[in-house]
Amino acid sequence: MKKYKYFNYEAIIFFGFIIALGALLNVLGYFSLDSDWFWFLAGAGLAFEGGINLLKQKQFNKKYKIILRENPK
C-alpha cells in the first residue's frame, strides 16, 4: 500500500465534482444554494492545487539541480 506524503490530486477532483453536482442540482431546482458556497469550494480547490504544485516543485528542486547557461553572442 502506497502512502501519500502530501496532498493529492484526488482532492481537486473531489472539489470539482462537488461544485459541478451542486450547480446542476441548483439549476434543476432541487435546492437553492447561495453562490458564496460555490466560491468557497472553488477557492478551497485552488488552494489545494496551489499547495500540490508548490510541494511538487520543491521535490523537483531537491532532486534536480538546474544550471542556467548564458547565451553566447
N, C-alpha and C. Protein backbone atom coordinates (compact mmCIF):
# COMPACT_ATOMS: atom_id res chain seq x y z
N MET A 1 0.84 -1.17 0.00
CA MET A 1 0.00 0.00 0.00
C MET A 1 0.89 1.24 0.00
N LYS A 2 0.62 2.13 -0.95
CA LYS A 2 1.41 3.35 -1.07
C LYS A 2 0.83 4.43 -0.17
N LYS A 3 1.69 5.08 0.61
CA LYS A 3 1.27 6.15 1.50
C LYS A 3 1.52 7.48 0.82
N TYR A 4 0.54 8.37 0.90
CA TYR A 4 0.71 9.71 0.34
C TYR A 4 1.39 10.60 1.38
N LYS A 5 2.42 11.31 0.94
CA LYS A 5 3.12 12.22 1.84
C LYS A 5 2.39 13.55 1.96
N TYR A 6 1.88 14.03 0.86
CA TYR A 6 1.29 15.35 0.81
C TYR A 6 -0.11 15.27 0.23
N PHE A 7 -0.65 16.45 -0.11
CA PHE A 7 -1.95 16.49 -0.76
C PHE A 7 -1.89 15.67 -2.03
N ASN A 8 -3.02 15.24 -2.48
CA ASN A 8 -3.04 14.50 -3.73
C ASN A 8 -4.08 15.10 -4.68
N TYR A 9 -4.03 14.69 -5.91
CA TYR A 9 -4.89 15.26 -6.92
C TYR A 9 -6.35 14.85 -6.75
N GLU A 10 -6.61 13.84 -5.95
CA GLU A 10 -7.98 13.42 -5.73
C GLU A 10 -8.79 14.52 -5.05
N ALA A 11 -8.14 15.35 -4.25
CA ALA A 11 -8.84 16.46 -3.58
C ALA A 11 -9.37 17.45 -4.61
N ILE A 12 -8.59 17.73 -5.65
CA ILE A 12 -9.03 18.66 -6.69
C ILE A 12 -10.21 18.07 -7.44
N ILE A 13 -10.14 16.79 -7.76
CA ILE A 13 -11.24 16.12 -8.45
C ILE A 13 -12.49 16.13 -7.57
N PHE A 14 -12.33 15.90 -6.28
CA PHE A 14 -13.46 15.90 -5.35
C PHE A 14 -14.14 17.26 -5.32
N PHE A 15 -13.36 18.34 -5.17
CA PHE A 15 -13.95 19.67 -5.12
C PHE A 15 -14.63 20.02 -6.44
N GLY A 16 -14.03 19.66 -7.55
CA GLY A 16 -14.64 19.91 -8.85
C GLY A 16 -15.95 19.17 -9.01
N PHE A 17 -16.00 17.92 -8.56
CA PHE A 17 -17.23 17.13 -8.65
C PHE A 17 -18.32 17.73 -7.77
N ILE A 18 -17.97 18.15 -6.57
CA ILE A 18 -18.96 18.75 -5.66
C ILE A 18 -19.51 20.05 -6.25
N ILE A 19 -18.65 20.87 -6.84
CA ILE A 19 -19.10 22.12 -7.45
C ILE A 19 -20.04 21.83 -8.61
N ALA A 20 -19.67 20.89 -9.48
CA ALA A 20 -20.50 20.57 -10.64
C ALA A 20 -21.84 19.98 -10.22
N LEU A 21 -21.82 19.07 -9.28
CA LEU A 21 -23.06 18.45 -8.81
C LEU A 21 -23.95 19.48 -8.13
N GLY A 22 -23.37 20.31 -7.29
CA GLY A 22 -24.15 21.35 -6.62
C GLY A 22 -24.77 22.34 -7.60
N ALA A 23 -24.01 22.73 -8.62
CA ALA A 23 -24.54 23.66 -9.62
C ALA A 23 -25.67 23.02 -10.41
N LEU A 24 -25.52 21.75 -10.77
CA LEU A 24 -26.57 21.05 -11.52
C LEU A 24 -27.85 20.94 -10.69
N LEU A 25 -27.72 20.54 -9.44
CA LEU A 25 -28.90 20.42 -8.58
C LEU A 25 -29.54 21.77 -8.29
N ASN A 26 -28.72 22.80 -8.24
CA ASN A 26 -29.24 24.16 -8.04
C ASN A 26 -30.03 24.62 -9.26
N VAL A 27 -29.52 24.34 -10.46
CA VAL A 27 -30.19 24.74 -11.69
C VAL A 27 -31.49 23.96 -11.87
N LEU A 28 -31.48 22.69 -11.53
CA LEU A 28 -32.69 21.87 -11.68
C LEU A 28 -33.74 22.17 -10.61
N GLY A 29 -33.38 22.94 -9.60
CA GLY A 29 -34.34 23.37 -8.61
C GLY A 29 -34.54 22.43 -7.44
N TYR A 30 -33.64 21.45 -7.26
CA TYR A 30 -33.78 20.53 -6.13
C TYR A 30 -33.51 21.23 -4.80
N PHE A 31 -32.63 22.21 -4.81
CA PHE A 31 -32.40 23.03 -3.64
C PHE A 31 -31.81 24.35 -4.09
N SER A 32 -31.78 25.29 -3.19
CA SER A 32 -31.27 26.62 -3.52
C SER A 32 -30.07 26.92 -2.62
N LEU A 33 -28.94 27.09 -3.25
CA LEU A 33 -27.71 27.41 -2.52
C LEU A 33 -27.25 28.80 -2.89
N ASP A 34 -26.69 29.48 -1.92
CA ASP A 34 -26.09 30.77 -2.16
C ASP A 34 -24.81 30.57 -2.98
N SER A 35 -24.54 31.49 -3.89
CA SER A 35 -23.35 31.34 -4.74
C SER A 35 -22.06 31.44 -3.95
N ASP A 36 -22.10 31.99 -2.75
CA ASP A 36 -20.89 32.09 -1.93
C ASP A 36 -20.34 30.71 -1.58
N TRP A 37 -21.20 29.73 -1.43
CA TRP A 37 -20.72 28.37 -1.15
C TRP A 37 -19.93 27.81 -2.32
N PHE A 38 -20.39 28.11 -3.54
CA PHE A 38 -19.65 27.64 -4.71
C PHE A 38 -18.28 28.33 -4.80
N TRP A 39 -18.24 29.62 -4.48
CA TRP A 39 -16.96 30.33 -4.49
C TRP A 39 -16.03 29.80 -3.40
N PHE A 40 -16.60 29.43 -2.26
CA PHE A 40 -15.80 28.84 -1.20
C PHE A 40 -15.16 27.53 -1.66
N LEU A 41 -15.96 26.67 -2.29
CA LEU A 41 -15.43 25.39 -2.79
C LEU A 41 -14.39 25.61 -3.88
N ALA A 42 -14.63 26.58 -4.76
CA ALA A 42 -13.65 26.87 -5.81
C ALA A 42 -12.34 27.37 -5.21
N GLY A 43 -12.44 28.24 -4.21
CA GLY A 43 -11.24 28.73 -3.54
C GLY A 43 -10.49 27.63 -2.82
N ALA A 44 -11.21 26.74 -2.16
CA ALA A 44 -10.57 25.61 -1.48
C ALA A 44 -9.87 24.70 -2.49
N GLY A 45 -10.52 24.45 -3.62
CA GLY A 45 -9.90 23.64 -4.67
C GLY A 45 -8.63 24.28 -5.21
N LEU A 46 -8.67 25.58 -5.42
CA LEU A 46 -7.47 26.29 -5.89
C LEU A 46 -6.36 26.27 -4.86
N ALA A 47 -6.72 26.37 -3.60
CA ALA A 47 -5.71 26.31 -2.54
C ALA A 47 -5.04 24.94 -2.52
N PHE A 48 -5.83 23.87 -2.67
CA PHE A 48 -5.26 22.53 -2.74
C PHE A 48 -4.33 22.40 -3.95
N GLU A 49 -4.78 22.89 -5.09
CA GLU A 49 -3.96 22.80 -6.30
C GLU A 49 -2.66 23.58 -6.14
N GLY A 50 -2.73 24.76 -5.58
CA GLY A 50 -1.52 25.55 -5.35
C GLY A 50 -0.56 24.86 -4.39
N GLY A 51 -1.11 24.25 -3.34
CA GLY A 51 -0.28 23.51 -2.39
C GLY A 51 0.40 22.31 -3.03
N ILE A 52 -0.35 21.60 -3.86
CA ILE A 52 0.22 20.44 -4.56
C ILE A 52 1.35 20.89 -5.49
N ASN A 53 1.09 21.94 -6.27
CA ASN A 53 2.12 22.43 -7.20
C ASN A 53 3.36 22.92 -6.47
N LEU A 54 3.19 23.60 -5.35
CA LEU A 54 4.32 24.07 -4.58
C LEU A 54 5.16 22.90 -4.05
N LEU A 55 4.50 21.89 -3.50
CA LEU A 55 5.23 20.74 -2.97
C LEU A 55 5.92 19.95 -4.08
N LYS A 56 5.26 19.80 -5.22
CA LYS A 56 5.89 19.10 -6.34
C LYS A 56 7.10 19.86 -6.86
N GLN A 57 7.02 21.19 -6.90
CA GLN A 57 8.16 21.99 -7.35
C GLN A 57 9.32 21.86 -6.38
N LYS A 58 9.04 21.85 -5.08
CA LYS A 58 10.11 21.67 -4.09
C LYS A 58 10.76 20.30 -4.22
N GLN A 59 9.95 19.26 -4.47
CA GLN A 59 10.50 17.92 -4.67
C GLN A 59 11.39 17.89 -5.91
N PHE A 60 10.96 18.56 -6.98
CA PHE A 60 11.75 18.61 -8.21
C PHE A 60 13.07 19.34 -7.97
N ASN A 61 13.01 20.46 -7.25
CA ASN A 61 14.23 21.24 -7.00
C ASN A 61 15.23 20.47 -6.15
N LYS A 62 14.75 19.63 -5.22
CA LYS A 62 15.65 18.81 -4.42
C LYS A 62 16.30 17.72 -5.26
N LYS A 63 15.56 17.18 -6.21
CA LYS A 63 16.04 16.05 -6.99
C LYS A 63 17.00 16.48 -8.11
N TYR A 64 16.71 17.60 -8.74
CA TYR A 64 17.50 18.05 -9.89
C TYR A 64 18.08 19.43 -9.63
N LYS A 65 19.30 19.62 -10.09
CA LYS A 65 19.92 20.94 -9.98
C LYS A 65 19.84 21.59 -11.35
N ILE A 66 19.26 22.75 -11.40
CA ILE A 66 19.09 23.48 -12.65
C ILE A 66 20.29 24.41 -12.82
N ILE A 67 20.96 24.27 -13.94
CA ILE A 67 22.11 25.11 -14.27
C ILE A 67 21.74 25.93 -15.49
N LEU A 68 21.74 27.24 -15.31
CA LEU A 68 21.42 28.13 -16.42
C LEU A 68 22.68 28.47 -17.19
N ARG A 69 22.57 28.39 -18.52
CA ARG A 69 23.70 28.76 -19.36
C ARG A 69 23.48 30.14 -19.94
N GLU A 70 24.56 30.86 -20.06
CA GLU A 70 24.46 32.15 -20.72
C GLU A 70 24.52 31.94 -22.23
N ASN A 71 23.71 32.69 -22.94
CA ASN A 71 23.70 32.57 -24.40
C ASN A 71 24.91 33.32 -24.98
N PRO A 72 25.71 32.62 -25.79
CA PRO A 72 26.85 33.33 -26.41
C PRO A 72 26.36 34.31 -27.47
N LYS A 73 27.03 35.44 -27.53
CA LYS A 73 26.61 36.47 -28.51
C LYS A 73 27.41 36.40 -29.76
